[in-house]
N, C-alpha and C. Protein backbone atom coordinates (compact mmCIF):
# COMPACT_ATOMS: atom_id res chain seq x y z
N MET A 1 112.13 -124.41 -42.44
CA MET A 1 111.09 -123.84 -43.25
C MET A 1 111.71 -123.16 -44.45
N GLU A 2 110.94 -122.98 -45.49
CA GLU A 2 111.43 -122.32 -46.69
C GLU A 2 110.95 -120.88 -46.73
N ILE A 3 111.91 -119.99 -47.02
CA ILE A 3 111.59 -118.59 -47.25
C ILE A 3 112.29 -118.17 -48.54
N THR A 4 111.92 -117.04 -49.06
CA THR A 4 112.64 -116.47 -50.19
C THR A 4 113.58 -115.42 -49.62
N LEU A 5 114.87 -115.66 -49.79
CA LEU A 5 115.91 -114.78 -49.26
C LEU A 5 116.66 -114.17 -50.43
N ASN A 6 116.53 -112.87 -50.58
CA ASN A 6 117.17 -112.15 -51.69
C ASN A 6 116.85 -112.80 -53.03
N GLY A 7 115.60 -113.18 -53.20
CA GLY A 7 115.14 -113.71 -54.48
C GLY A 7 115.33 -115.20 -54.69
N GLU A 8 115.93 -115.90 -53.74
CA GLU A 8 116.18 -117.33 -53.87
C GLU A 8 115.49 -118.09 -52.74
N VAL A 9 114.85 -119.20 -53.07
CA VAL A 9 114.21 -120.02 -52.05
C VAL A 9 115.30 -120.72 -51.24
N LYS A 10 115.22 -120.55 -49.92
CA LYS A 10 116.20 -121.12 -49.00
C LYS A 10 115.50 -121.80 -47.85
N LYS A 11 116.11 -122.87 -47.35
CA LYS A 11 115.64 -123.49 -46.12
C LYS A 11 116.40 -122.87 -44.97
N VAL A 12 115.67 -122.43 -43.96
CA VAL A 12 116.31 -121.80 -42.79
C VAL A 12 115.72 -122.39 -41.52
N GLU A 13 116.51 -122.31 -40.46
CA GLU A 13 116.07 -122.77 -39.15
C GLU A 13 115.65 -121.61 -38.26
N ALA A 14 115.90 -120.39 -38.70
CA ALA A 14 115.64 -119.20 -37.89
C ALA A 14 114.14 -119.01 -37.66
N GLU A 15 113.81 -118.58 -36.46
CA GLU A 15 112.41 -118.32 -36.12
C GLU A 15 112.03 -116.87 -36.34
N ASN A 16 113.03 -115.97 -36.33
CA ASN A 16 112.73 -114.56 -36.50
C ASN A 16 113.88 -113.89 -37.27
N ILE A 17 113.70 -112.61 -37.56
CA ILE A 17 114.70 -111.87 -38.33
C ILE A 17 116.04 -111.82 -37.60
N HIS A 18 116.02 -111.59 -36.31
CA HIS A 18 117.27 -111.54 -35.53
C HIS A 18 118.06 -112.84 -35.69
N ASP A 19 117.38 -113.97 -35.53
CA ASP A 19 118.05 -115.26 -35.65
C ASP A 19 118.57 -115.48 -37.07
N LEU A 20 117.82 -115.01 -38.07
CA LEU A 20 118.26 -115.16 -39.46
C LEU A 20 119.53 -114.37 -39.72
N VAL A 21 119.55 -113.12 -39.29
CA VAL A 21 120.75 -112.29 -39.48
C VAL A 21 121.94 -112.92 -38.78
N LYS A 22 121.74 -113.41 -37.58
CA LYS A 22 122.81 -114.06 -36.83
C LYS A 22 123.30 -115.32 -37.54
N SER A 23 122.36 -116.14 -38.03
CA SER A 23 122.74 -117.40 -38.70
C SER A 23 123.48 -117.15 -40.01
N LEU A 24 123.23 -116.01 -40.64
CA LEU A 24 123.91 -115.67 -41.88
C LEU A 24 125.27 -115.03 -41.62
N GLY A 25 125.57 -114.74 -40.35
CA GLY A 25 126.85 -114.15 -39.99
C GLY A 25 127.00 -112.71 -40.45
N LEU A 26 125.88 -111.98 -40.51
CA LEU A 26 125.90 -110.61 -40.99
C LEU A 26 126.18 -109.63 -39.87
N ASP A 27 126.84 -108.53 -40.21
CA ASP A 27 127.05 -107.43 -39.28
C ASP A 27 125.77 -106.61 -39.27
N SER A 28 125.06 -106.63 -38.17
CA SER A 28 123.75 -105.98 -38.10
C SER A 28 123.83 -104.47 -38.25
N ASP A 29 125.01 -103.88 -38.09
CA ASP A 29 125.14 -102.43 -38.23
C ASP A 29 125.09 -101.96 -39.68
N GLY A 30 125.35 -102.84 -40.62
CA GLY A 30 125.43 -102.42 -42.01
C GLY A 30 124.31 -102.93 -42.90
N VAL A 31 123.23 -103.42 -42.31
CA VAL A 31 122.16 -103.99 -43.14
C VAL A 31 120.80 -103.40 -42.79
N VAL A 32 119.93 -103.45 -43.79
CA VAL A 32 118.52 -103.12 -43.62
C VAL A 32 117.76 -104.36 -44.08
N ILE A 33 116.72 -104.72 -43.34
CA ILE A 33 115.94 -105.92 -43.65
C ILE A 33 114.54 -105.52 -44.11
N LEU A 34 114.15 -106.08 -45.25
CA LEU A 34 112.78 -105.97 -45.72
C LEU A 34 112.14 -107.33 -45.53
N HIS A 35 111.07 -107.37 -44.79
CA HIS A 35 110.34 -108.61 -44.52
C HIS A 35 108.97 -108.46 -45.16
N ASN A 36 108.72 -109.25 -46.18
CA ASN A 36 107.48 -109.14 -46.96
C ASN A 36 107.25 -107.70 -47.41
N ASP A 37 108.31 -107.11 -47.97
CA ASP A 37 108.30 -105.76 -48.56
C ASP A 37 108.12 -104.63 -47.55
N GLU A 38 108.31 -104.90 -46.27
CA GLU A 38 108.22 -103.87 -45.24
C GLU A 38 109.57 -103.78 -44.52
N VAL A 39 110.07 -102.56 -44.36
CA VAL A 39 111.32 -102.36 -43.61
C VAL A 39 111.05 -102.70 -42.15
N VAL A 40 111.95 -103.49 -41.56
CA VAL A 40 111.82 -103.86 -40.15
C VAL A 40 112.91 -103.15 -39.37
N LYS A 41 112.50 -102.34 -38.41
CA LYS A 41 113.48 -101.65 -37.56
C LYS A 41 114.26 -102.68 -36.75
N LYS A 42 115.54 -102.40 -36.55
CA LYS A 42 116.44 -103.34 -35.87
C LYS A 42 115.93 -103.74 -34.49
N ASN A 43 115.30 -102.82 -33.77
CA ASN A 43 114.82 -103.15 -32.43
C ASN A 43 113.61 -104.09 -32.46
N LEU A 44 113.06 -104.35 -33.64
CA LEU A 44 111.92 -105.27 -33.77
C LEU A 44 112.31 -106.61 -34.40
N TRP A 45 113.57 -106.79 -34.74
CA TRP A 45 114.00 -108.02 -35.40
C TRP A 45 113.64 -109.26 -34.60
N SER A 46 113.84 -109.24 -33.30
CA SER A 46 113.58 -110.45 -32.50
C SER A 46 112.09 -110.74 -32.36
N ARG A 47 111.24 -109.75 -32.65
CA ARG A 47 109.79 -109.96 -32.58
C ARG A 47 109.16 -110.16 -33.95
N SER A 48 109.97 -110.12 -34.99
CA SER A 48 109.48 -110.30 -36.36
C SER A 48 109.64 -111.76 -36.77
N ASN A 49 108.63 -112.55 -36.49
CA ASN A 49 108.70 -113.99 -36.75
C ASN A 49 108.62 -114.29 -38.24
N LEU A 50 109.37 -115.32 -38.62
CA LEU A 50 109.36 -115.79 -40.00
C LEU A 50 108.31 -116.89 -40.15
N ASN A 51 107.67 -116.89 -41.30
CA ASN A 51 106.67 -117.91 -41.62
C ASN A 51 107.00 -118.52 -42.97
N LEU A 52 106.47 -119.70 -43.19
CA LEU A 52 106.67 -120.40 -44.45
C LEU A 52 106.35 -119.49 -45.62
N ARG A 53 107.27 -119.45 -46.58
CA ARG A 53 107.14 -118.68 -47.83
C ARG A 53 107.22 -117.17 -47.66
N ASP A 54 107.70 -116.70 -46.51
CA ASP A 54 107.94 -115.27 -46.35
C ASP A 54 109.06 -114.84 -47.30
N SER A 55 109.08 -113.55 -47.58
CA SER A 55 110.12 -112.97 -48.41
C SER A 55 110.97 -112.06 -47.53
N VAL A 56 112.29 -112.25 -47.60
CA VAL A 56 113.23 -111.42 -46.85
C VAL A 56 114.29 -110.91 -47.82
N GLU A 57 114.50 -109.61 -47.80
CA GLU A 57 115.56 -109.00 -48.59
C GLU A 57 116.54 -108.38 -47.62
N VAL A 58 117.81 -108.64 -47.83
CA VAL A 58 118.87 -108.07 -47.00
C VAL A 58 119.60 -107.04 -47.87
N LEU A 59 119.52 -105.80 -47.43
CA LEU A 59 120.18 -104.70 -48.16
C LEU A 59 121.38 -104.24 -47.37
N TYR A 60 122.50 -104.06 -48.07
CA TYR A 60 123.75 -103.66 -47.44
C TYR A 60 124.06 -102.20 -47.73
N PHE A 61 124.51 -101.47 -46.72
CA PHE A 61 125.00 -100.11 -46.93
C PHE A 61 126.45 -100.19 -47.37
N VAL A 62 126.75 -99.47 -48.43
CA VAL A 62 128.13 -99.41 -48.93
C VAL A 62 128.50 -97.95 -49.09
N SER A 63 129.61 -97.57 -48.51
CA SER A 63 130.05 -96.18 -48.68
C SER A 63 131.15 -96.13 -49.74
N GLY A 64 131.24 -95.04 -50.37
CA GLY A 64 132.26 -94.90 -51.41
C GLY A 64 132.63 -93.45 -51.59
N GLY A 65 133.50 -93.23 -52.49
CA GLY A 65 133.92 -91.85 -52.66
C GLY A 65 134.38 -91.53 -54.01
């Protein structure tokens, strides 16, 4: 299915946010997911199903000094 991932249309096989994060090889401890402009808590990722043309933004925490 096609979704918009960080502003780009992508074809993905993931059924939910958890599967998407896993398929992208991301460290789940350092990211926040916005699904259709709503923050999704990590404990709800596996229940947050993706649908055709959904928008997903992956935000990374970066520390600095």
